Amino acid sequence: MSDDPETGRLLDTPARRRTLFTALGVGIGVGVVGVPSPAMAAVAGWSNPTRGSLTSGYKTASRPTHTGWDVANSQGTPVYATAAGTVRDIRTNSYPGDTSSGPLPGRSGNSVHLNHADSYFSYYGHLHRVLVSVGQQVSCGQLVGLMGTTGNSTGPHLHFEIHRPRLTSTDPRIFLANRGITLGATAPVGSTGYPSVSQGASGWVPTVIQYLVRARGISVVVDGVFGPACASAVRSFQSGRGLYADGLVGPVTWTALILPLQEGKSGDLVRGLQTALNARGASLLVDGGFGSVTTTAVRSFQSRNDLVADGLVGPVTWSVLI
């Protein structure tokens, strides 16, 4: 038996037969038994579109016209192209409860529709924000949007479909499993590693954000609570950088906030670094001084995470640290 993406059948390999009936927990409200878990390495050229919990399946008994899988996570979670291709259609300016259809039938709000090689198509619905334009060429794992709850939706999630040909859907979970990818769980190609953080969050990550924003000259209280004042400060930073000012700290805002650091630097950027290092097991005084002790902590973190242990905090170290 061969891989048949159109019907969603699985490769008939010994590894597949061993794992075919393995139960795979899928998070919020749904448990599915008899769905494959990948038993091979991910096939080059394909990517998981996002990370999160699977909440509604493909053509279930209760939703026979549901032609995709829903992957739930917080608003602003990055959504990536599942394969290289061209943006066929997009929809923007939707809102929660919008009843009008997008590029494919259904009320899936802000959405992106991609053409791929060999007559494959992919669809990404309910986005908070679309980050591509019609006709744009995208690579596998390229950021195409941010997860949202626009259209017919009760909470932030991605509605994800695979078609071949267009309007002939296949089960995207099985499709990706046949390529060594667990929908919602496998790290997407191109993922920065940065979390999406929005109002209501608390803890060390909002503390780091507050230090980084304050280092850019924007007044904000560093209290570890991502409240209205923090969201307002983030919007001020985004506006000043020409970014979409939604108050959400996703991968685009993170990469604008961080700067390279090394021994000898000082200030709030270093305090943000020291806070993150402490959350990862260091025991630093958060004093804003990048001295030899902080350098040692950076090198130790880099070594533990198979990074070049040079004590220099660049984009790669930042993304793994956060």
C-alpha atoms as a PDB file:
ATOM      1  CA  MET A   1       0.000   0.000   0.000  1.00  0.00           C
ATOM      2  CA  SER A   2       1.342   3.473  -0.824  1.00  0.00           C
ATOM      3  CA  ASP A   3       0.802   6.834   0.798  1.00  0.00           C
ATOM      4  CA  ASP A   4      -2.543   8.082  -0.550  1.00  0.00           C
ATOM      5  CA  PRO A   5      -2.997  11.724   0.533  1.00  0.00           C
ATOM      6  CA  GLU A   6      -6.317  12.080  -1.257  1.00  0.00           C
ATOM      7  CA  THR A   7      -8.005   9.373   0.838  1.00  0.00           C
ATOM      8  CA  GLY A   8      -5.918   9.869   3.960  1.00  0.00           C
ATOM      9  CA  ARG A   9      -4.702   6.250   4.039  1.00  0.00           C
ATOM     10  CA  LEU A  10      -1.464   5.468   5.834  1.00  0.00           C
ATOM     11  CA  LEU A  11       1.758   3.979   4.591  1.00  0.00           C
ATOM     12  CA  ASP A  12       1.616   0.252   5.270  1.00  0.00           C
ATOM     13  CA  THR A  13       5.017  -0.118   6.941  1.00  0.00           C
ATOM     14  CA  PRO A  14       5.797  -2.215  10.025  1.00  0.00           C
ATOM     15  CA  ALA A  15       6.386   0.948  12.033  1.00  0.00           C
ATOM     16  CA  ARG A  16       3.058   2.324  10.866  1.00  0.00           C
ATOM     17  CA  ARG A  17       1.227  -0.892  11.783  1.00  0.00           C
ATOM     18  CA  ARG A  18       2.784  -0.803  15.255  1.00  0.00           C
ATOM     19  CA  THR A  19       1.674   2.775  15.893  1.00  0.00           C
ATOM     20  CA  LEU A  20      -1.597   2.951  13.987  1.00  0.00           C
ATOM     21  CA  PHE A  21      -3.790   2.320  17.002  1.00  0.00           C
ATOM     22  CA  THR A  22      -1.700   4.231  19.522  1.00  0.00           C
ATOM     23  CA  ALA A  23      -3.892   6.638  21.485  1.00  0.00           C
ATOM     24  CA  LEU A  24      -2.885  10.249  21.044  1.00  0.00           C
ATOM     25  CA  GLY A  25      -4.259  12.732  23.598  1.00  0.00           C
ATOM     26  CA  VAL A  26      -5.270  15.986  21.941  1.00  0.00           C
ATOM     27  CA  GLY A  27      -6.017  18.412  24.738  1.00  0.00           C
ATOM     28  CA  ILE A  28      -9.159  20.427  25.139  1.00  0.00           C
ATOM     29  CA  GLY A  29     -12.259  18.273  25.346  1.00  0.00           C
ATOM     30  CA  VAL A  30     -11.312  15.628  22.768  1.00  0.00           C
ATOM     31  CA  GLY A  31      -9.568  12.274  23.037  1.00  0.00           C
ATOM     32  CA  VAL A  32      -8.999  10.363  19.810  1.00  0.00           C
ATOM     33  CA  VAL A  33      -7.967   6.717  19.606  1.00  0.00           C
ATOM     34  CA  GLY A  34      -6.828   5.018  16.419  1.00  0.00           C
ATOM     35  CA  VAL A  35      -5.189   8.069  14.853  1.00  0.00           C
ATOM     36  CA  PRO A  36      -1.543   7.692  13.838  1.00  0.00           C
ATOM     37  CA  SER A  37       1.420   9.119  15.625  1.00  0.00           C
ATOM     38  CA  PRO A  38       4.393   9.680  13.304  1.00  0.00           C
ATOM     39  CA  ALA A  39       6.875   6.814  13.276  1.00  0.00           C
ATOM     40  CA  MET A  40       9.369   8.386  10.901  1.00  0.00           C
ATOM     41  CA  ALA A  41      11.373  11.576  10.613  1.00  0.00           C
ATOM     42  CA  ALA A  42       9.616  14.603   9.206  1.00  0.00           C
ATOM     43  CA  VAL A  43       9.683  14.691   5.411  1.00  0.00           C
ATOM     44  CA  ALA A  44      11.675  17.644   4.093  1.00  0.00           C
ATOM     45  CA  GLY A  45       9.522  20.315   2.546  1.00  0.00           C
ATOM     46  CA  TRP A  46       6.585  19.958   4.953  1.00  0.00           C
ATOM     47  CA  SER A  47       5.928  21.666   8.267  1.00  0.00           C
ATOM     48  CA  ASN A  48       3.485  21.670  11.141  1.00  0.00           C
ATOM     49  CA  PRO A  49       1.511  24.938  10.675  1.00  0.00           C
ATOM     50  CA  THR A  50       1.341  25.818  14.387  1.00  0.00           C
ATOM     51  CA  ARG A  51       1.467  24.445  17.923  1.00  0.00           C
ATOM     52  CA  GLY A  52      -1.476  23.875  20.229  1.00  0.00           C
ATOM     53  CA  SER A  53      -4.215  21.467  21.318  1.00  0.00           C
ATOM     54  CA  LEU A  54      -6.434  19.697  18.784  1.00  0.00           C
ATOM     55  CA  THR A  55     -10.042  20.554  19.584  1.00  0.00           C
ATOM     56  CA  SER A  56     -12.223  19.611  16.612  1.00  0.00           C
ATOM     57  CA  GLY A  57     -11.514  16.946  14.040  1.00  0.00           C
ATOM     58  CA  TYR A  58     -11.974  16.262  10.368  1.00  0.00           C
ATOM     59  CA  LYS A  59     -15.529  15.315   9.309  1.00  0.00           C
ATOM     60  CA  THR A  60     -16.582  13.987  12.697  1.00  0.00           C
ATOM     61  CA  ALA A  61     -20.017  12.499  13.357  1.00  0.00           C
ATOM     62  CA  SER A  62     -21.116  15.699  15.072  1.00  0.00           C
ATOM     63  CA  ARG A  63     -19.561  17.933  12.370  1.00  0.00           C
ATOM     64  CA  PRO A  64     -19.594  15.997   9.080  1.00  0.00           C
ATOM     65  CA  THR A  65     -18.947  19.144   7.016  1.00  0.00           C
ATOM     66  CA  HIS A  66     -15.898  20.186   9.065  1.00  0.00           C
ATOM     67  CA  THR A  67     -13.185  19.697   6.431  1.00  0.00           C
ATOM     68  CA  GLY A  68     -10.161  20.461   8.603  1.00  0.00           C
ATOM     69  CA  TRP A  69      -8.666  20.221  12.083  1.00  0.00           C
ATOM     70  CA  ASP A  70      -8.814  22.970  14.716  1.00  0.00           C
ATOM     71  CA  VAL A  71      -5.639  23.684  16.689  1.00  0.00           C
ATOM     72  CA  ALA A  72      -6.201  25.893  19.754  1.00  0.00           C
ATOM     73  CA  ASN A  73      -3.677  28.149  21.458  1.00  0.00           C
ATOM     74  CA  SER A  74      -3.481  31.755  22.671  1.00  0.00           C
ATOM     75  CA  GLN A  75      -4.295  34.661  20.382  1.00  0.00           C
ATOM     76  CA  GLY A  76      -1.200  35.740  18.489  1.00  0.00           C
ATOM     77  CA  THR A  77       0.373  32.266  18.304  1.00  0.00           C
ATOM     78  CA  PRO A  78       2.427  32.112  15.070  1.00  0.00           C
ATOM     79  CA  VAL A  79       0.982  30.256  12.069  1.00  0.00           C
ATOM     80  CA  TYR A  80       3.402  28.978   9.409  1.00  0.00           C
ATOM     81  CA  ALA A  81       3.136  27.783   5.801  1.00  0.00           C
ATOM     82  CA  THR A  82       2.950  23.977   5.770  1.00  0.00           C
ATOM     83  CA  ALA A  83       4.933  23.897   2.508  1.00  0.00           C
ATOM     84  CA  ALA A  84       6.456  26.270  -0.016  1.00  0.00           C
ATOM     85  CA  GLY A  85       4.028  27.880  -2.440  1.00  0.00           C
ATOM     86  CA  THR A  86       2.165  30.968  -3.545  1.00  0.00           C
ATOM     87  CA  VAL A  87      -0.538  32.903  -1.742  1.00  0.00           C
ATOM     88  CA  ARG A  88      -3.689  32.230  -3.772  1.00  0.00           C
ATOM     89  CA  ASP A  89      -6.229  34.196  -1.702  1.00  0.00           C
ATOM     90  CA  ILE A  90      -6.440  36.001   1.608  1.00  0.00           C
ATOM     91  CA  ARG A  91      -9.187  37.505   3.677  1.00  0.00           C
ATOM     92  CA  THR A  92      -8.678  40.386   6.103  1.00  0.00           C
ATOM     93  CA  ASN A  93     -10.761  42.812   8.181  1.00  0.00           C
ATOM     94  CA  SER A  94     -12.889  40.040   9.665  1.00  0.00           C
ATOM     95  CA  TYR A  95     -13.961  40.045  13.301  1.00  0.00           C
ATOM     96  CA  PRO A  96     -15.386  37.596  15.867  1.00  0.00           C
ATOM     97  CA  GLY A  97     -18.884  36.624  14.784  1.00  0.00           C
ATOM     98  CA  ASP A  98     -18.440  37.684  11.160  1.00  0.00           C
ATOM     99  CA  THR A  99     -20.834  35.536   9.090  1.00  0.00           C
ATOM    100  CA  SER A 100     -19.434  36.141   5.593  1.00  0.00           C
ATOM    101  CA  SER A 101     -17.437  33.484   3.757  1.00  0.00           C
ATOM    102  CA  GLY A 102     -13.710  33.617   3.082  1.00  0.00           C
ATOM    103  CA  PRO A 103     -11.696  32.231   0.125  1.00  0.00           C
ATOM    104  CA  LEU A 104     -13.142  28.762   0.837  1.00  0.00           C
ATOM    105  CA  PRO A 105     -16.727  27.997   1.872  1.00  0.00           C
ATOM    106  CA  GLY A 106     -17.355  28.653   5.558  1.00  0.00           C
ATOM    107  CA  ARG A 107     -17.123  31.493   8.033  1.00  0.00           C
ATOM    108  CA  SER A 108     -13.461  31.150   8.928  1.00  0.00           C
ATOM    109  CA  GLY A 109     -12.694  34.862   9.272  1.00  0.00           C
ATOM    110  CA  ASN A 110      -9.292  36.254   8.366  1.00  0.00           C
ATOM    111  CA  SER A 111      -7.617  33.540   6.337  1.00  0.00           C
ATOM    112  CA  VAL A 112      -4.787  32.533   4.010  1.00  0.00           C
ATOM    113  CA  HIS A 113      -5.074  30.079   1.087  1.00  0.00           C
ATOM    114  CA  LEU A 114      -1.840  28.732  -0.433  1.00  0.00           C
ATOM    115  CA  ASN A 115      -1.075  26.952  -3.726  1.00  0.00           C
ATOM    116  CA  HIS A 116       1.631  24.253  -3.509  1.00  0.00           C
ATOM    117  CA  ALA A 117       3.403  21.941  -5.939  1.00  0.00           C
ATOM    118  CA  ASP A 118       1.613  18.871  -7.354  1.00  0.00           C
ATOM    119  CA  SER A 119      -1.842  20.500  -7.093  1.00  0.00           C
ATOM    120  CA  TYR A 120      -1.865  20.646  -3.272  1.00  0.00           C
ATOM    121  CA  PHE A 121      -3.542  23.513  -1.422  1.00  0.00           C
ATOM    122  CA  SER A 122      -3.539  24.524   2.254  1.00  0.00           C
ATOM    123  CA  TYR A 123      -5.893  26.788   4.161  1.00  0.00           C
ATOM    124  CA  TYR A 124      -5.471  28.691   7.449  1.00  0.00           C
ATOM    125  CA  GLY A 125      -8.567  30.222   9.025  1.00  0.00           C
ATOM    126  CA  HIS A 126      -9.721  32.355  12.002  1.00  0.00           C
ATOM    127  CA  LEU A 127      -6.468  34.344  11.995  1.00  0.00           C
ATOM    128  CA  HIS A 128      -6.040  37.382  14.205  1.00  0.00           C
ATOM    129  CA  ARG A 129      -3.833  38.937  11.555  1.00  0.00           C
ATOM    130  CA  VAL A 130      -2.723  37.984   8.029  1.00  0.00           C
ATOM    131  CA  LEU A 131       0.997  38.604   7.359  1.00  0.00           C
ATOM    132  CA  VAL A 132       1.205  37.822   3.623  1.00  0.00           C
ATOM    133  CA  SER A 133      -0.334  39.222   0.431  1.00  0.00           C
ATOM    134  CA  VAL A 134      -1.936  37.690  -2.662  1.00  0.00           C
ATOM    135  CA  GLY A 135       0.652  36.439  -5.151  1.00  0.00           C
ATOM    136  CA  GLN A 136       3.467  36.356  -2.600  1.00  0.00           C
ATOM    137  CA  GLN A 137       5.898  33.441  -2.750  1.00  0.00           C
ATOM    138  CA  VAL A 138       6.334  31.745   0.626  1.00  0.00           C
ATOM    139  CA  SER A 139       8.786  29.143   1.868  1.00  0.00           C
ATOM    140  CA  CYS A 140       8.050  26.099   4.010  1.00  0.00           C
ATOM    141  CA  GLY A 141       7.745  27.309   7.603  1.00  0.00           C
ATOM    142  CA  GLN A 142       7.357  30.976   6.685  1.00  0.00           C
ATOM    143  CA  LEU A 143       5.178  33.023   9.036  1.00  0.00           C
ATOM    144  CA  VAL A 144       1.832  33.673   7.301  1.00  0.00           C
ATOM    145  CA  GLY A 145      -0.381  34.889  10.148  1.00  0.00           C
ATOM    146  CA  LEU A 146      -1.193  34.999  13.837  1.00  0.00           C
ATOM    147  CA  MET A 147      -3.791  32.750  15.471  1.00  0.00           C
ATOM    148  CA  GLY A 148      -7.076  34.432  16.339  1.00  0.00           C
ATOM    149  CA  THR A 149     -10.817  34.021  16.761  1.00  0.00           C
ATOM    150  CA  THR A 150     -12.266  35.883  13.782  1.00  0.00           C
ATOM    151  CA  GLY A 151     -15.331  34.605  11.926  1.00  0.00           C
ATOM    152  CA  ASN A 152     -17.418  31.748  13.311  1.00  0.00           C
ATOM    153  CA  SER A 153     -15.264  30.973  16.337  1.00  0.00           C
ATOM    154  CA  THR A 154     -15.684  30.639  20.096  1.00  0.00           C
ATOM    155  CA  GLY A 155     -12.002  31.031  20.992  1.00  0.00           C
ATOM    156  CA  PRO A 156      -8.523  31.467  19.488  1.00  0.00           C
ATOM    157  CA  HIS A 157      -7.593  28.588  17.200  1.00  0.00           C
ATOM    158  CA  LEU A 158      -6.346  27.728  13.718  1.00  0.00           C
ATOM    159  CA  HIS A 159      -8.699  25.992  11.292  1.00  0.00           C
ATOM    160  CA  PHE A 160      -6.328  24.063   9.003  1.00  0.00           C
ATOM    161  CA  GLU A 161      -7.185  22.244   5.769  1.00  0.00           C
ATOM    162  CA  ILE A 162      -5.285  20.332   3.066  1.00  0.00           C
ATOM    163  CA  HIS A 163      -6.783  19.892  -0.428  1.00  0.00           C
ATOM    164  CA  ARG A 164      -5.825  18.044  -3.604  1.00  0.00           C
ATOM    165  CA  PRO A 165      -7.233  19.231  -5.875  1.00  0.00           C
ATOM    166  CA  ARG A 166      -8.804  22.412  -4.572  1.00  0.00           C
ATOM    167  CA  LEU A 167     -12.165  21.826  -2.833  1.00  0.00           C
ATOM    168  CA  THR A 168     -11.325  18.136  -2.451  1.00  0.00           C
ATOM    169  CA  SER A 169     -10.172  17.943   1.158  1.00  0.00           C
ATOM    170  CA  THR A 170      -8.203  15.241   2.941  1.00  0.00           C
ATOM    171  CA  ASP A 171      -7.682  14.703   6.659  1.00  0.00           C
ATOM    172  CA  PRO A 172      -4.745  17.049   7.384  1.00  0.00           C
ATOM    173  CA  ARG A 173      -3.774  15.212  10.551  1.00  0.00           C
ATOM    174  CA  ILE A 174      -3.253  11.922   8.714  1.00  0.00           C
ATOM    175  CA  PHE A 175      -1.687  13.760   5.767  1.00  0.00           C
ATOM    176  CA  LEU A 176       0.985  15.272   8.041  1.00  0.00           C
ATOM    177  CA  ALA A 177       1.395  12.061  10.053  1.00  0.00           C
ATOM    178  CA  ASN A 178       2.369  10.305   6.827  1.00  0.00           C
ATOM    179  CA  ARG A 179       5.145  12.887   6.579  1.00  0.00           C
ATOM    180  CA  GLY A 180       6.422  12.379  10.122  1.00  0.00           C
ATOM    181  CA  ILE A 181       4.644  15.407  11.592  1.00  0.00           C
ATOM    182  CA  THR A 182       2.247  15.451  14.541  1.00  0.00           C
ATOM    183  CA  LEU A 183      -0.268  18.224  13.938  1.00  0.00           C
ATOM    184  CA  GLY A 184      -0.113  20.742  16.768  1.00  0.00           C
ATOM    185  CA  ALA A 185       2.910  19.156  18.447  1.00  0.00           C
ATOM    186  CA  THR A 186       5.915  18.944  16.103  1.00  0.00           C
ATOM    187  CA  ALA A 187       7.976  22.145  16.124  1.00  0.00           C
ATOM    188  CA  PRO A 188       7.179  24.063  12.926  1.00  0.00           C
ATOM    189  CA  VAL A 189       9.969  24.636  10.425  1.00  0.00           C
ATOM    190  CA  GLY A 190      11.177  28.218  10.870  1.00  0.00           C
ATOM    191  CA  SER A 191       9.722  28.604  14.343  1.00  0.00           C
ATOM    192  CA  THR A 192      11.580  31.311  16.253  1.00  0.00           C
ATOM    193  CA  GLY A 193      10.855  29.711  19.585  1.00  0.00           C
ATOM    194  CA  TYR A 194       9.382  32.942  20.907  1.00  0.00           C
ATOM    195  CA  PRO A 195       6.055  32.631  22.743  1.00  0.00           C
ATOM    196  CA  SER A 196       3.081  34.827  21.911  1.00  0.00           C
ATOM    197  CA  VAL A 197       2.250  36.915  24.977  1.00  0.00           C
ATOM    198  CA  SER A 198      -0.829  39.087  25.437  1.00  0.00           C
ATOM    199  CA  GLN A 199      -2.767  40.938  28.094  1.00  0.00           C
ATOM    200  CA  GLY A 200      -3.597  38.743  31.075  1.00  0.00           C
ATOM    201  CA  ALA A 201      -0.254  36.915  31.182  1.00  0.00           C
ATOM    202  CA  SER A 202       1.982  37.053  34.249  1.00  0.00           C
ATOM    203  CA  GLY A 203       5.341  35.740  35.365  1.00  0.00           C
ATOM    204  CA  TRP A 204       8.932  36.012  34.232  1.00  0.00           C
ATOM    205  CA  VAL A 205       8.216  36.351  30.497  1.00  0.00           C
ATOM    206  CA  PRO A 206       6.116  39.540  30.948  1.00  0.00           C
ATOM    207  CA  THR A 207       8.870  40.768  33.287  1.00  0.00           C
ATOM    208  CA  VAL A 208      11.424  40.329  30.486  1.00  0.00           C
ATOM    209  CA  ILE A 209       9.105  42.129  28.064  1.00  0.00           C
ATOM    210  CA  GLN A 210       8.739  45.048  30.478  1.00  0.00           C
ATOM    211  CA  TYR A 211      12.511  45.384  30.856  1.00  0.00           C
ATOM    212  CA  LEU A 212      13.005  45.250  27.070  1.00  0.00           C
ATOM    213  CA  VAL A 213      10.280  47.824  26.429  1.00  0.00           C
ATOM    214  CA  ARG A 214      11.659  50.090  29.149  1.00  0.00           C
ATOM    215  CA  ALA A 215      15.112  49.789  27.596  1.00  0.00           C
ATOM    216  CA  ARG A 216      13.630  51.378  24.474  1.00  0.00           C
ATOM    217  CA  GLY A 217      12.682  54.494  26.421  1.00  0.00           C
ATOM    218  CA  ILE A 218       9.022  53.651  27.047  1.00  0.00           C
ATOM    219  CA  SER A 219       7.788  54.023  30.612  1.00  0.00           C
ATOM    220  CA  VAL A 220       6.320  50.835  32.105  1.00  0.00           C
ATOM    221  CA  VAL A 221       6.236  49.346  35.594  1.00  0.00           C
ATOM    222  CA  VAL A 222       8.232  46.116  35.846  1.00  0.00           C
ATOM    223  CA  ASP A 223       5.899  43.937  37.910  1.00  0.00           C
ATOM    224  CA  GLY A 224       5.553  40.750  35.829  1.00  0.00           C
ATOM    225  CA  VAL A 225       1.889  41.455  35.062  1.00  0.00           C
ATOM    226  CA  PHE A 226       0.878  42.000  31.427  1.00  0.00           C
ATOM    227  CA  GLY A 227      -1.993  44.355  32.201  1.00  0.00           C
ATOM    228  CA  PRO A 228      -3.538  47.265  30.273  1.00  0.00           C
ATOM    229  CA  ALA A 229      -0.592  49.565  31.014  1.00  0.00           C
ATOM    230  CA  CYS A 230       1.896  46.997  29.730  1.00  0.00           C
ATOM    231  CA  ALA A 231      -0.199  46.404  26.593  1.00  0.00           C
ATOM    232  CA  SER A 232      -0.284  50.163  26.014  1.00  0.00           C
ATOM    233  CA  ALA A 233       3.509  50.361  26.352  1.00  0.00           C
ATOM    234  CA  VAL A 234       3.901  47.500  23.856  1.00  0.00           C
ATOM    235  CA  ARG A 235       1.609  49.295  21.407  1.00  0.00           C
ATOM    236  CA  SER A 236       3.709  52.438  21.760  1.00  0.00           C
ATOM    237  CA  PHE A 237       6.837  50.444  20.942  1.00  0.00           C
ATOM    238  CA  GLN A 238       5.151  48.756  17.973  1.00  0.00           C
ATOM    239  CA  SER A 239       3.900  52.070  16.585  1.00  0.00           C
ATOM    240  CA  GLY A 240       7.344  53.591  16.880  1.00  0.00           C
ATOM    241  CA  ARG A 241       8.839  50.677  14.941  1.00  0.00           C
ATOM    242  CA  GLY A 242       6.199  50.662  12.207  1.00  0.00           C
ATOM    243  CA  LEU A 243       4.751  47.346  13.431  1.00  0.00           C
ATOM    244  CA  TYR A 244       1.103  46.379  13.705  1.00  0.00           C
ATOM    245  CA  ALA A 245       0.167  47.985  17.048  1.00  0.00           C
ATOM    246  CA  ASP A 246      -2.015  45.282  18.588  1.00  0.00           C
ATOM    247  CA  GLY A 247      -0.279  45.031  21.967  1.00  0.00           C
ATOM    248  CA  LEU A 248       0.562  41.344  21.345  1.00  0.00           C
ATOM    249  CA  VAL A 249       4.185  40.285  21.727  1.00  0.00           C
ATOM    250  CA  GLY A 250       4.633  37.636  19.048  1.00  0.00           C
ATOM    251  CA  PRO A 251       7.699  36.628  17.008  1.00  0.00           C
ATOM    252  CA  VAL A 252       7.778  39.840  14.966  1.00  0.00           C
ATOM    253  CA  THR A 253       7.667  42.071  18.050  1.00  0.00           C
ATOM    254  CA  TRP A 254      10.128  39.866  19.940  1.00  0.00           C
ATOM    255  CA  THR A 255      12.721  40.125  17.177  1.00  0.00           C
ATOM    256  CA  ALA A 256      12.290  43.909  17.171  1.00  0.00           C
ATOM    257  CA  LEU A 257      12.643  44.118  20.965  1.00  0.00           C
ATOM    258  CA  ILE A 258      15.788  42.058  21.456  1.00  0.00           C
ATOM    259  CA  LEU A 259      19.305  43.336  20.753  1.00  0.00           C
ATOM    260  CA  PRO A 260      22.664  41.512  20.835  1.00  0.00           C
ATOM    261  CA  LEU A 261      24.347  41.652  24.220  1.00  0.00           C
ATOM    262  CA  GLN A 262      27.816  40.841  25.494  1.00  0.00           C
ATOM    263  CA  GLU A 263      30.017  41.432  28.501  1.00  0.00           C
ATOM    264  CA  GLY A 264      30.388  45.119  29.292  1.00  0.00           C
ATOM    265  CA  LYS A 265      26.809  46.094  28.449  1.00  0.00           C
ATOM    266  CA  SER A 266      24.466  47.449  31.107  1.00  0.00           C
ATOM    267  CA  GLY A 267      20.893  48.612  31.614  1.00  0.00           C
ATOM    268  CA  ASP A 268      17.384  47.235  31.315  1.00  0.00           C
ATOM    269  CA  LEU A 269      18.189  44.958  28.367  1.00  0.00           C
ATOM    270  CA  VAL A 270      20.691  43.179  30.597  1.00  0.00           C
ATOM    271  CA  ARG A 271      18.115  43.026  33.408  1.00  0.00           C
ATOM    272  CA  GLY A 272      15.751  41.311  30.984  1.00  0.00           C
ATOM    273  CA  LEU A 273      18.514  38.846  30.071  1.00  0.00           C
ATOM    274  CA  GLN A 274      19.340  38.161  33.714  1.00  0.00           C
ATOM    275  CA  THR A 275      15.656  37.587  34.522  1.00  0.00           C
ATOM    276  CA  ALA A 276      15.381  35.027  31.709  1.00  0.00           C
ATOM    277  CA  LEU A 277      18.604  33.284  32.760  1.00  0.00           C
ATOM    278  CA  ASN A 278      17.327  33.019  36.341  1.00  0.00           C
ATOM    279  CA  ALA A 279      14.108  31.445  35.026  1.00  0.00           C
ATOM    280  CA  ARG A 280      16.322  28.881  33.276  1.00  0.00           C
ATOM    281  CA  GLY A 281      18.228  27.936  36.423  1.00  0.00           C
ATOM    282  CA  ALA A 282      20.811  30.678  37.003  1.00  0.00           C
ATOM    283  CA  SER A 283      21.072  32.558  40.302  1.00  0.00           C
ATOM    284  CA  LEU A 284      22.039  36.031  39.179  1.00  0.00           C
ATOM    285  CA  LEU A 285      21.567  39.377  40.855  1.00  0.00           C
ATOM    286  CA  VAL A 286      19.328  41.336  38.475  1.00  0.00           C
ATOM    287  CA  ASP A 287      21.500  44.437  38.572  1.00  0.00           C
ATOM    288  CA  GLY A 288      21.722  45.311  34.873  1.00  0.00           C
ATOM    289  CA  GLY A 289      25.458  44.732  34.703  1.00  0.00           C
ATOM    290  CA  PHE A 290      26.787  42.232  32.147  1.00  0.00           C
ATOM    291  CA  GLY A 291      29.911  41.140  33.974  1.00  0.00           C
ATOM    292  CA  SER A 292      31.869  37.912  34.201  1.00  0.00           C
ATOM    293  CA  VAL A 293      29.242  36.172  36.348  1.00  0.00           C
ATOM    294  CA  THR A 294      26.510  36.832  33.775  1.00  0.00           C
ATOM    295  CA  THR A 295      28.870  35.736  30.992  1.00  0.00           C
ATOM    296  CA  THR A 296      29.449  32.432  32.791  1.00  0.00           C
ATOM    297  CA  ALA A 297      25.683  31.947  33.167  1.00  0.00           C
ATOM    298  CA  VAL A 298      25.170  32.639  29.440  1.00  0.00           C
ATOM    299  CA  ARG A 299      27.883  30.144  28.452  1.00  0.00           C
ATOM    300  CA  SER A 300      26.412  27.518  30.762  1.00  0.00           C
ATOM    301  CA  PHE A 301      22.950  27.995  29.229  1.00  0.00           C
ATOM    302  CA  GLN A 302      24.378  27.815  25.710  1.00  0.00           C
ATOM    303  CA  SER A 303      26.278  24.599  26.481  1.00  0.00           C
ATOM    304  CA  ARG A 304      23.196  22.923  27.959  1.00  0.00           C
ATOM    305  CA  ASN A 305      21.218  23.765  24.816  1.00  0.00           C
ATOM    306  CA  ASP A 306      23.863  22.738  22.246  1.00  0.00           C
ATOM    307  CA  LEU A 307      24.569  26.331  21.216  1.00  0.00           C
ATOM    308  CA  VAL A 308      27.964  27.896  20.560  1.00  0.00           C
ATOM    309  CA  ALA A 309      29.119  28.719  24.093  1.00  0.00           C
ATOM    310  CA  ASP A 310      30.706  32.078  23.317  1.00  0.00           C
ATOM    311  CA  GLY A 311      28.901  34.168  25.946  1.00  0.00           C
ATOM    312  CA  LEU A 312      27.447  36.389  23.218  1.00  0.00           C
ATOM    313  CA  VAL A 313      23.670  36.768  23.337  1.00  0.00           C
ATOM    314  CA  GLY A 314      22.461  37.011  19.740  1.00  0.00           C
ATOM    315  CA  PRO A 315      19.101  36.175  18.103  1.00  0.00           C
ATOM    316  CA  VAL A 316      19.554  32.393  18.379  1.00  0.00           C
ATOM    317  CA  THR A 317      20.418  32.462  22.080  1.00  0.00           C
ATOM    318  CA  TRP A 318      17.590  34.903  22.776  1.00  0.00           C
ATOM    319  CA  SER A 319      15.031  32.706  20.950  1.00  0.00           C
ATOM    320  CA  VAL A 320      16.048  29.549  22.831  1.00  0.00           C
ATOM    321  CA  LEU A 321      16.241  31.423  26.142  1.00  0.00           C
ATOM    322  CA  ILE A 322      12.738  32.904  25.891  1.00  0.00           C
END
